[in-house]
Amino acid sequence: MEGRSIERRRSEWRWAADRAAIVSRWNWLQAHVSDLEYRIRQQTDIYKQIRANKSEYTVSVTEF
């Protein structure tokens, strides 16, 4: 009987350790996705500013 109890505790511990490892990886992944989304937003904003400035420059040059 005690052998089964030890096996059960081991399997429960293993399950908890595996679950903790999965949660850790998931949190790491979420952090990196969030960082990438932030960088994409930054790049998009920079691109929009460049396009806006470029069109302003084109308009002012053609007026001469």
Foldseek 3Di string as FASTA:
>chain_A
DVVVVVVVVVVVVVVVVVVVVVVVVVVVVVVVVVVVVVVVVVVVVVVVVVVVVVVVVVVVVVVD
